[in-house]
Amino acid sequence: MIDFEHTFGSGAMTTDSLTMRVTNYIFDHIRKNQLSSGEGLPSELKTSTELNVSRGVVREAFRSLEVAGIIEKENGRSPKVGVLNSAFLTHLIGHALLTRQVSLKQVLELRASIEVKAAELAARRRTRSDVQRLRIAVEGMKQSVAKFNSFVQHDLDFHQVINGATGNPLVQVVCSAMHESIKESMRAGLRKRKGPEEIMKVAEAHEAIADAIEQGNAAQAEGRMKKHFDETFRVFGRLDED
């Protein structure tokens, strides 16, 4: 946490520094009291009194914390510790793409670094329900080779099932935050596939991954997911040539 006395000295603080002081106070309160999601936090009034700052400053800090998913707040009630979610990261990634600070290929690179390992973990931890949902997604892809948007949706479903099957909430949060960018990267890749035969090969690659996950073969699941991403990078090379 920031040491405000050291950072800003004893002079008058700016609104931004006061807002940060409130933010750090809330983080410290959560840490010191070992609070979990859903547990109560100090009200605006109590925080304002405790820190000797205006209610307006506290309200602004709480609003920022709420947007970030750190706290949950309902009108007329004291805030609670927030539940882990992807809202803030979703906006951040969307902004980065919109302003061309990152590319779809860079999104794909991040996905690969996460999802190759996710396939391995899913093979170790998958449930019968996970396997059934993977099979449904694969069948949907096969039936949608000529239906662009439907194919992409089934492809998304497939990867979401794997990310959930890892049992790691951080994998789910990060990949959920990339949902729209993942969809765009899938669309871009499909546009460069040379006809239905190549698109069917994508579905078959997913089926092979599902087979390895169902069999609980972690090394094979990881290897097949890596092969799938390597092929996708090859297709993205075609995009670079345009």
C-alpha atoms as a PDB file:
ATOM      1  CA  MET A   1       0.000   0.000   0.000  1.00  0.00           C
ATOM      2  CA  ILE A   2       1.069   3.597  -0.624  1.00  0.00           C
ATOM      3  CA  ASP A   3       2.504   5.529   2.305  1.00  0.00           C
ATOM      4  CA  PHE A   4       0.697   8.830   1.882  1.00  0.00           C
ATOM      5  CA  GLU A   5       2.730  10.741   4.442  1.00  0.00           C
ATOM      6  CA  HIS A   6       5.909   9.753   2.620  1.00  0.00           C
ATOM      7  CA  THR A   7       4.571  10.159  -0.908  1.00  0.00           C
ATOM      8  CA  PHE A   8       2.713  13.432  -0.580  1.00  0.00           C
ATOM      9  CA  GLY A   9       4.320  14.995   2.474  1.00  0.00           C
ATOM     10  CA  SER A  10       2.377  17.081   4.951  1.00  0.00           C
ATOM     11  CA  GLY A  11       1.030  19.606   2.413  1.00  0.00           C
ATOM     12  CA  ALA A  12      -2.509  19.777   1.052  1.00  0.00           C
ATOM     13  CA  MET A  13      -3.535  16.646  -0.791  1.00  0.00           C
ATOM     14  CA  THR A  14      -5.088  16.657  -4.260  1.00  0.00           C
ATOM     15  CA  THR A  15      -8.493  15.090  -4.851  1.00  0.00           C
ATOM     16  CA  ASP A  16      -6.780  12.181  -6.595  1.00  0.00           C
ATOM     17  CA  SER A  17      -4.504  11.513  -3.635  1.00  0.00           C
ATOM     18  CA  LEU A  18      -7.428  11.694  -1.215  1.00  0.00           C
ATOM     19  CA  THR A  19      -9.359   9.240  -3.379  1.00  0.00           C
ATOM     20  CA  MET A  20      -6.371   6.917  -3.346  1.00  0.00           C
ATOM     21  CA  ARG A  21      -6.206   7.256   0.418  1.00  0.00           C
ATOM     22  CA  VAL A  22      -9.797   6.011   0.654  1.00  0.00           C
ATOM     23  CA  THR A  23      -9.022   3.187  -1.743  1.00  0.00           C
ATOM     24  CA  ASN A  24      -6.024   2.060   0.294  1.00  0.00           C
ATOM     25  CA  TYR A  25      -8.064   2.312   3.481  1.00  0.00           C
ATOM     26  CA  ILE A  26     -10.603  -0.141   2.063  1.00  0.00           C
ATOM     27  CA  PHE A  27      -7.894  -2.532   0.880  1.00  0.00           C
ATOM     28  CA  ASP A  28      -6.221  -2.359   4.289  1.00  0.00           C
ATOM     29  CA  HIS A  29      -9.542  -2.968   6.040  1.00  0.00           C
ATOM     30  CA  ILE A  30     -10.170  -6.078   3.939  1.00  0.00           C
ATOM     31  CA  ARG A  31      -6.659  -7.375   4.545  1.00  0.00           C
ATOM     32  CA  LYS A  32      -6.484  -6.692   8.282  1.00  0.00           C
ATOM     33  CA  ASN A  33      -9.896  -8.222   8.939  1.00  0.00           C
ATOM     34  CA  GLN A  34      -9.348 -11.108   6.496  1.00  0.00           C
ATOM     35  CA  LEU A  35     -12.710 -10.450   4.870  1.00  0.00           C
ATOM     36  CA  SER A  36     -14.212 -12.662   2.188  1.00  0.00           C
ATOM     37  CA  SER A  37     -16.527 -11.767  -0.678  1.00  0.00           C
ATOM     38  CA  GLY A  38     -19.959 -10.671   0.523  1.00  0.00           C
ATOM     39  CA  GLU A  39     -18.785  -9.462   3.931  1.00  0.00           C
ATOM     40  CA  GLY A  40     -19.538  -5.912   5.016  1.00  0.00           C
ATOM     41  CA  LEU A  41     -17.262  -2.877   4.726  1.00  0.00           C
ATOM     42  CA  PRO A  42     -17.315   0.546   6.434  1.00  0.00           C
ATOM     43  CA  SER A  43     -20.041   2.879   5.200  1.00  0.00           C
ATOM     44  CA  GLU A  44     -19.386   6.149   3.350  1.00  0.00           C
ATOM     45  CA  LEU A  45     -20.056   8.078   6.566  1.00  0.00           C
ATOM     46  CA  LYS A  46     -17.750   5.964   8.693  1.00  0.00           C
ATOM     47  CA  THR A  47     -14.987   6.094   6.096  1.00  0.00           C
ATOM     48  CA  SER A  48     -15.378   9.854   5.734  1.00  0.00           C
ATOM     49  CA  THR A  49     -15.177  10.350   9.500  1.00  0.00           C
ATOM     50  CA  GLU A  50     -12.302   7.918   9.983  1.00  0.00           C
ATOM     51  CA  LEU A  51     -10.141   9.561   7.306  1.00  0.00           C
ATOM     52  CA  ASN A  52     -11.389  13.127   7.773  1.00  0.00           C
ATOM     53  CA  VAL A  53     -12.219  13.500   4.076  1.00  0.00           C
ATOM     54  CA  SER A  54     -15.441  14.652   2.406  1.00  0.00           C
ATOM     55  CA  ARG A  55     -18.320  12.301   1.576  1.00  0.00           C
ATOM     56  CA  GLY A  56     -17.870  13.303  -2.066  1.00  0.00           C
ATOM     57  CA  VAL A  57     -14.302  12.003  -2.118  1.00  0.00           C
ATOM     58  CA  VAL A  58     -15.370   8.753  -0.450  1.00  0.00           C
ATOM     59  CA  ARG A  59     -18.250   8.360  -2.909  1.00  0.00           C
ATOM     60  CA  GLU A  60     -15.887   8.798  -5.867  1.00  0.00           C
ATOM     61  CA  ALA A  61     -13.448   6.254  -4.451  1.00  0.00           C
ATOM     62  CA  PHE A  62     -16.250   3.772  -3.800  1.00  0.00           C
ATOM     63  CA  ARG A  63     -17.511   4.248  -7.347  1.00  0.00           C
ATOM     64  CA  SER A  64     -14.083   3.387  -8.752  1.00  0.00           C
ATOM     65  CA  LEU A  65     -13.798   0.348  -6.500  1.00  0.00           C
ATOM     66  CA  GLU A  66     -17.241  -0.802  -7.601  1.00  0.00           C
ATOM     67  CA  VAL A  67     -16.347  -0.493 -11.293  1.00  0.00           C
ATOM     68  CA  ALA A  68     -13.214  -2.535 -10.620  1.00  0.00           C
ATOM     69  CA  GLY A  69     -15.287  -5.212  -8.870  1.00  0.00           C
ATOM     70  CA  ILE A  70     -13.511  -4.765  -5.555  1.00  0.00           C
ATOM     71  CA  ILE A  71     -16.696  -3.807  -3.726  1.00  0.00           C
ATOM     72  CA  GLU A  72     -20.423  -4.221  -4.301  1.00  0.00           C
ATOM     73  CA  LYS A  73     -22.727  -1.402  -3.331  1.00  0.00           C
ATOM     74  CA  GLU A  74     -26.490  -1.019  -3.208  1.00  0.00           C
ATOM     75  CA  ASN A  75     -28.299   2.266  -2.644  1.00  0.00           C
ATOM     76  CA  GLY A  76     -28.740   3.050   1.028  1.00  0.00           C
ATOM     77  CA  ARG A  77     -26.572   0.181   2.212  1.00  0.00           C
ATOM     78  CA  SER A  78     -22.975  -0.163   3.292  1.00  0.00           C
ATOM     79  CA  PRO A  79     -20.689  -1.735   0.683  1.00  0.00           C
ATOM     80  CA  LYS A  80     -19.625  -5.362   0.692  1.00  0.00           C
ATOM     81  CA  VAL A  81     -16.502  -7.105  -0.506  1.00  0.00           C
ATOM     82  CA  GLY A  82     -16.978  -7.838  -4.210  1.00  0.00           C
ATOM     83  CA  VAL A  83     -16.997 -11.204  -5.940  1.00  0.00           C
ATOM     84  CA  LEU A  84     -14.197 -11.899  -8.424  1.00  0.00           C
ATOM     85  CA  ASN A  85     -15.376 -10.903 -11.900  1.00  0.00           C
ATOM     86  CA  SER A  86     -14.034  -9.878 -15.282  1.00  0.00           C
ATOM     87  CA  ALA A  87     -15.854  -6.544 -15.735  1.00  0.00           C
ATOM     88  CA  PHE A  88     -12.895  -4.195 -15.354  1.00  0.00           C
ATOM     89  CA  LEU A  89     -10.501  -6.357 -17.355  1.00  0.00           C
ATOM     90  CA  THR A  90     -13.117  -6.667 -20.105  1.00  0.00           C
ATOM     91  CA  HIS A  91     -13.240  -2.874 -20.474  1.00  0.00           C
ATOM     92  CA  LEU A  92      -9.443  -2.655 -20.382  1.00  0.00           C
ATOM     93  CA  ILE A  93      -8.904  -5.219 -23.145  1.00  0.00           C
ATOM     94  CA  GLY A  94     -11.723  -3.764 -25.243  1.00  0.00           C
ATOM     95  CA  HIS A  95     -10.181  -0.311 -24.919  1.00  0.00           C
ATOM     96  CA  ALA A  96      -6.742  -1.629 -25.860  1.00  0.00           C
ATOM     97  CA  LEU A  97      -8.121  -3.220 -29.040  1.00  0.00           C
ATOM     98  CA  LEU A  98     -10.307  -0.258 -29.948  1.00  0.00           C
ATOM     99  CA  THR A  99      -7.372   2.148 -29.674  1.00  0.00           C
ATOM    100  CA  ARG A 100      -5.046  -0.271 -31.496  1.00  0.00           C
ATOM    101  CA  GLN A 101      -2.685  -0.590 -28.556  1.00  0.00           C
ATOM    102  CA  VAL A 102      -2.892  -4.365 -28.974  1.00  0.00           C
ATOM    103  CA  SER A 103      -3.743  -6.541 -31.969  1.00  0.00           C
ATOM    104  CA  LEU A 104      -5.897  -9.634 -32.413  1.00  0.00           C
ATOM    105  CA  LYS A 105      -2.708 -11.622 -32.938  1.00  0.00           C
ATOM    106  CA  GLN A 106      -1.464 -10.466 -29.531  1.00  0.00           C
ATOM    107  CA  VAL A 107      -4.781 -11.539 -28.034  1.00  0.00           C
ATOM    108  CA  LEU A 108      -4.209 -14.927 -29.637  1.00  0.00           C
ATOM    109  CA  GLU A 109      -0.715 -15.086 -28.120  1.00  0.00           C
ATOM    110  CA  LEU A 110      -2.160 -14.451 -24.659  1.00  0.00           C
ATOM    111  CA  ARG A 111      -4.872 -17.034 -25.221  1.00  0.00           C
ATOM    112  CA  ALA A 112      -2.329 -19.648 -26.267  1.00  0.00           C
ATOM    113  CA  SER A 113      -0.194 -19.044 -23.186  1.00  0.00           C
ATOM    114  CA  ILE A 114      -3.235 -19.688 -20.988  1.00  0.00           C
ATOM    115  CA  GLU A 115      -5.330 -22.217 -22.884  1.00  0.00           C
ATOM    116  CA  VAL A 116      -2.632 -24.737 -23.695  1.00  0.00           C
ATOM    117  CA  LYS A 117      -2.099 -25.175 -19.949  1.00  0.00           C
ATOM    118  CA  ALA A 118      -5.874 -25.036 -19.424  1.00  0.00           C
ATOM    119  CA  ALA A 119      -6.322 -28.100 -21.633  1.00  0.00           C
ATOM    120  CA  GLU A 120      -3.852 -30.022 -19.480  1.00  0.00           C
ATOM    121  CA  LEU A 121      -5.609 -28.990 -16.269  1.00  0.00           C
ATOM    122  CA  ALA A 122      -9.035 -29.768 -17.742  1.00  0.00           C
ATOM    123  CA  ALA A 123      -7.892 -33.311 -18.566  1.00  0.00           C
ATOM    124  CA  ARG A 124      -6.948 -33.794 -14.916  1.00  0.00           C
ATOM    125  CA  ARG A 125     -10.038 -32.187 -13.395  1.00  0.00           C
ATOM    126  CA  ARG A 126     -12.914 -32.518 -15.894  1.00  0.00           C
ATOM    127  CA  THR A 127     -16.290 -33.833 -14.854  1.00  0.00           C
ATOM    128  CA  ARG A 128     -18.701 -35.948 -16.848  1.00  0.00           C
ATOM    129  CA  SER A 129     -20.778 -32.831 -17.449  1.00  0.00           C
ATOM    130  CA  ASP A 130     -17.721 -31.005 -18.832  1.00  0.00           C
ATOM    131  CA  VAL A 131     -17.092 -33.830 -21.308  1.00  0.00           C
ATOM    132  CA  GLN A 132     -20.728 -33.867 -22.405  1.00  0.00           C
ATOM    133  CA  ARG A 133     -20.661 -30.125 -23.024  1.00  0.00           C
ATOM    134  CA  LEU A 134     -17.433 -30.424 -25.014  1.00  0.00           C
ATOM    135  CA  ARG A 135     -19.063 -33.077 -27.193  1.00  0.00           C
ATOM    136  CA  ILE A 136     -22.101 -30.875 -27.752  1.00  0.00           C
ATOM    137  CA  ALA A 137     -19.869 -27.980 -28.771  1.00  0.00           C
ATOM    138  CA  VAL A 138     -17.869 -30.141 -31.186  1.00  0.00           C
ATOM    139  CA  GLU A 139     -21.026 -31.542 -32.767  1.00  0.00           C
ATOM    140  CA  GLY A 140     -22.359 -28.005 -33.081  1.00  0.00           C
ATOM    141  CA  MET A 141     -19.181 -26.985 -34.900  1.00  0.00           C
ATOM    142  CA  LYS A 142     -19.469 -29.900 -37.298  1.00  0.00           C
ATOM    143  CA  GLN A 143     -23.078 -29.051 -38.058  1.00  0.00           C
ATOM    144  CA  SER A 144     -22.239 -25.367 -38.579  1.00  0.00           C
ATOM    145  CA  VAL A 145     -19.360 -25.538 -41.049  1.00  0.00           C
ATOM    146  CA  ALA A 146     -21.386 -23.465 -43.501  1.00  0.00           C
ATOM    147  CA  LYS A 147     -22.885 -21.220 -40.796  1.00  0.00           C
ATOM    148  CA  PHE A 148     -20.216 -18.716 -39.834  1.00  0.00           C
ATOM    149  CA  ASN A 149     -21.695 -17.153 -36.676  1.00  0.00           C
ATOM    150  CA  SER A 150     -23.017 -20.444 -35.339  1.00  0.00           C
ATOM    151  CA  PHE A 151     -19.625 -22.097 -35.783  1.00  0.00           C
ATOM    152  CA  VAL A 152     -17.908 -19.295 -33.873  1.00  0.00           C
ATOM    153  CA  GLN A 153     -20.406 -19.578 -31.006  1.00  0.00           C
ATOM    154  CA  HIS A 154     -19.855 -23.321 -30.648  1.00  0.00           C
ATOM    155  CA  ASP A 155     -16.087 -22.724 -30.808  1.00  0.00           C
ATOM    156  CA  LEU A 156     -16.403 -20.174 -27.986  1.00  0.00           C
ATOM    157  CA  ASP A 157     -18.529 -22.595 -25.960  1.00  0.00           C
ATOM    158  CA  PHE A 158     -15.871 -25.293 -26.344  1.00  0.00           C
ATOM    159  CA  HIS A 159     -13.066 -23.144 -24.990  1.00  0.00           C
ATOM    160  CA  GLN A 160     -15.226 -21.762 -22.168  1.00  0.00           C
ATOM    161  CA  VAL A 161     -15.986 -25.303 -21.005  1.00  0.00           C
ATOM    162  CA  ILE A 162     -12.263 -26.110 -20.896  1.00  0.00           C
ATOM    163  CA  ASN A 163     -11.456 -22.924 -19.007  1.00  0.00           C
ATOM    164  CA  GLY A 164     -14.164 -23.711 -16.470  1.00  0.00           C
ATOM    165  CA  ALA A 165     -12.995 -27.316 -16.145  1.00  0.00           C
ATOM    166  CA  THR A 166      -9.570 -26.141 -14.951  1.00  0.00           C
ATOM    167  CA  GLY A 167     -11.145 -25.204 -11.630  1.00  0.00           C
ATOM    168  CA  ASN A 168      -8.971 -22.076 -11.627  1.00  0.00           C
ATOM    169  CA  PRO A 169     -11.090 -18.907 -11.286  1.00  0.00           C
ATOM    170  CA  LEU A 170      -8.277 -16.714 -12.647  1.00  0.00           C
ATOM    171  CA  VAL A 171      -8.260 -18.636 -15.927  1.00  0.00           C
ATOM    172  CA  GLN A 172     -12.015 -18.132 -16.170  1.00  0.00           C
ATOM    173  CA  VAL A 173     -11.826 -14.427 -15.338  1.00  0.00           C
ATOM    174  CA  VAL A 174      -9.037 -13.613 -17.792  1.00  0.00           C
ATOM    175  CA  CYS A 175     -10.559 -15.605 -20.644  1.00  0.00           C
ATOM    176  CA  SER A 176     -14.022 -14.262 -19.919  1.00  0.00           C
ATOM    177  CA  ALA A 177     -12.612 -10.747 -20.129  1.00  0.00           C
ATOM    178  CA  MET A 178     -11.281 -11.579 -23.592  1.00  0.00           C
ATOM    179  CA  HIS A 179     -14.651 -12.959 -24.763  1.00  0.00           C
ATOM    180  CA  GLU A 180     -15.332 -10.350 -27.441  1.00  0.00           C
ATOM    181  CA  SER A 181     -11.718 -10.191 -28.619  1.00  0.00           C
ATOM    182  CA  ILE A 182     -11.583 -13.996 -28.783  1.00  0.00           C
ATOM    183  CA  LYS A 183     -14.739 -13.962 -30.890  1.00  0.00           C
ATOM    184  CA  GLU A 184     -13.190 -11.426 -33.254  1.00  0.00           C
ATOM    185  CA  SER A 185      -9.983 -13.448 -33.549  1.00  0.00           C
ATOM    186  CA  MET A 186     -12.026 -16.569 -34.351  1.00  0.00           C
ATOM    187  CA  ARG A 187     -13.958 -14.709 -37.028  1.00  0.00           C
ATOM    188  CA  ALA A 188     -10.769 -13.329 -38.528  1.00  0.00           C
ATOM    189  CA  GLY A 189      -9.221 -16.799 -38.635  1.00  0.00           C
ATOM    190  CA  LEU A 190     -12.271 -18.432 -40.200  1.00  0.00           C
ATOM    191  CA  ARG A 191     -12.376 -15.857 -42.979  1.00  0.00           C
ATOM    192  CA  LYS A 192      -8.938 -17.040 -44.036  1.00  0.00           C
ATOM    193  CA  ARG A 193      -9.778 -20.740 -44.050  1.00  0.00           C
ATOM    194  CA  LYS A 194      -9.819 -22.146 -47.578  1.00  0.00           C
ATOM    195  CA  GLY A 195     -13.316 -23.536 -47.828  1.00  0.00           C
ATOM    196  CA  PRO A 196     -15.491 -25.935 -45.785  1.00  0.00           C
ATOM    197  CA  GLU A 197     -12.802 -28.628 -45.737  1.00  0.00           C
ATOM    198  CA  GLU A 198     -10.415 -26.451 -43.729  1.00  0.00           C
ATOM    199  CA  ILE A 199     -13.200 -25.354 -41.402  1.00  0.00           C
ATOM    200  CA  MET A 200     -14.144 -28.999 -40.798  1.00  0.00           C
ATOM    201  CA  LYS A 201     -10.501 -29.650 -39.869  1.00  0.00           C
ATOM    202  CA  VAL A 202     -10.868 -27.012 -37.141  1.00  0.00           C
ATOM    203  CA  ALA A 203     -13.834 -28.931 -35.730  1.00  0.00           C
ATOM    204  CA  GLU A 204     -11.871 -32.185 -35.924  1.00  0.00           C
ATOM    205  CA  ALA A 205      -8.951 -30.591 -34.069  1.00  0.00           C
ATOM    206  CA  HIS A 206     -11.346 -29.651 -31.282  1.00  0.00           C
ATOM    207  CA  GLU A 207     -12.739 -33.189 -31.273  1.00  0.00           C
ATOM    208  CA  ALA A 208      -9.217 -34.561 -30.795  1.00  0.00           C
ATOM    209  CA  ILE A 209      -8.705 -32.218 -27.834  1.00  0.00           C
ATOM    210  CA  ALA A 210     -12.027 -33.356 -26.363  1.00  0.00           C
ATOM    211  CA  ASP A 211     -10.980 -37.010 -26.767  1.00  0.00           C
ATOM    212  CA  ALA A 212      -7.780 -36.422 -24.795  1.00  0.00           C
ATOM    213  CA  ILE A 213      -9.625 -34.525 -22.064  1.00  0.00           C
ATOM    214  CA  GLU A 214     -12.260 -37.243 -21.741  1.00  0.00           C
ATOM    215  CA  GLN A 215      -9.532 -39.881 -21.473  1.00  0.00           C
ATOM    216  CA  GLY A 216      -7.793 -37.827 -18.791  1.00  0.00           C
ATOM    217  CA  ASN A 217      -4.605 -37.717 -20.851  1.00  0.00           C
ATOM    218  CA  ALA A 218      -3.168 -34.379 -19.727  1.00  0.00           C
ATOM    219  CA  ALA A 219      -0.025 -34.454 -21.877  1.00  0.00           C
ATOM    220  CA  GLN A 220      -1.993 -35.300 -24.983  1.00  0.00           C
ATOM    221  CA  ALA A 221      -4.622 -32.646 -24.299  1.00  0.00           C
ATOM    222  CA  GLU A 222      -1.899 -30.051 -23.853  1.00  0.00           C
ATOM    223  CA  GLY A 223      -0.104 -31.160 -27.022  1.00  0.00           C
ATOM    224  CA  ARG A 224      -3.242 -31.139 -29.134  1.00  0.00           C
ATOM    225  CA  MET A 225      -4.262 -27.711 -27.914  1.00  0.00           C
ATOM    226  CA  LYS A 226      -0.778 -26.411 -28.719  1.00  0.00           C
ATOM    227  CA  LYS A 227      -1.032 -27.915 -32.202  1.00  0.00           C
ATOM    228  CA  HIS A 228      -4.411 -26.207 -32.670  1.00  0.00           C
ATOM    229  CA  PHE A 229      -2.967 -22.818 -31.730  1.00  0.00           C
ATOM    230  CA  ASP A 230       0.107 -23.379 -33.929  1.00  0.00           C
ATOM    231  CA  GLU A 231      -2.221 -23.961 -36.862  1.00  0.00           C
ATOM    232  CA  THR A 232      -4.235 -20.882 -35.953  1.00  0.00           C
ATOM    233  CA  PHE A 233      -1.045 -18.790 -35.912  1.00  0.00           C
ATOM    234  CA  ARG A 234      -0.276 -20.105 -39.393  1.00  0.00           C
ATOM    235  CA  VAL A 235      -3.657 -18.829 -40.563  1.00  0.00           C
ATOM    236  CA  PHE A 236      -3.031 -15.486 -38.887  1.00  0.00           C
ATOM    237  CA  GLY A 237       0.138 -15.317 -40.974  1.00  0.00           C
ATOM    238  CA  ARG A 238      -2.148 -15.165 -43.970  1.00  0.00           C
ATOM    239  CA  LEU A 239      -3.824 -12.147 -42.417  1.00  0.00           C
ATOM    240  CA  ASP A 240      -0.455 -10.404 -42.116  1.00  0.00           C
ATOM    241  CA  GLU A 241       0.115 -10.963 -45.821  1.00  0.00           C
ATOM    242  CA  ASP A 242      -3.044  -9.022 -46.801  1.00  0.00           C
END
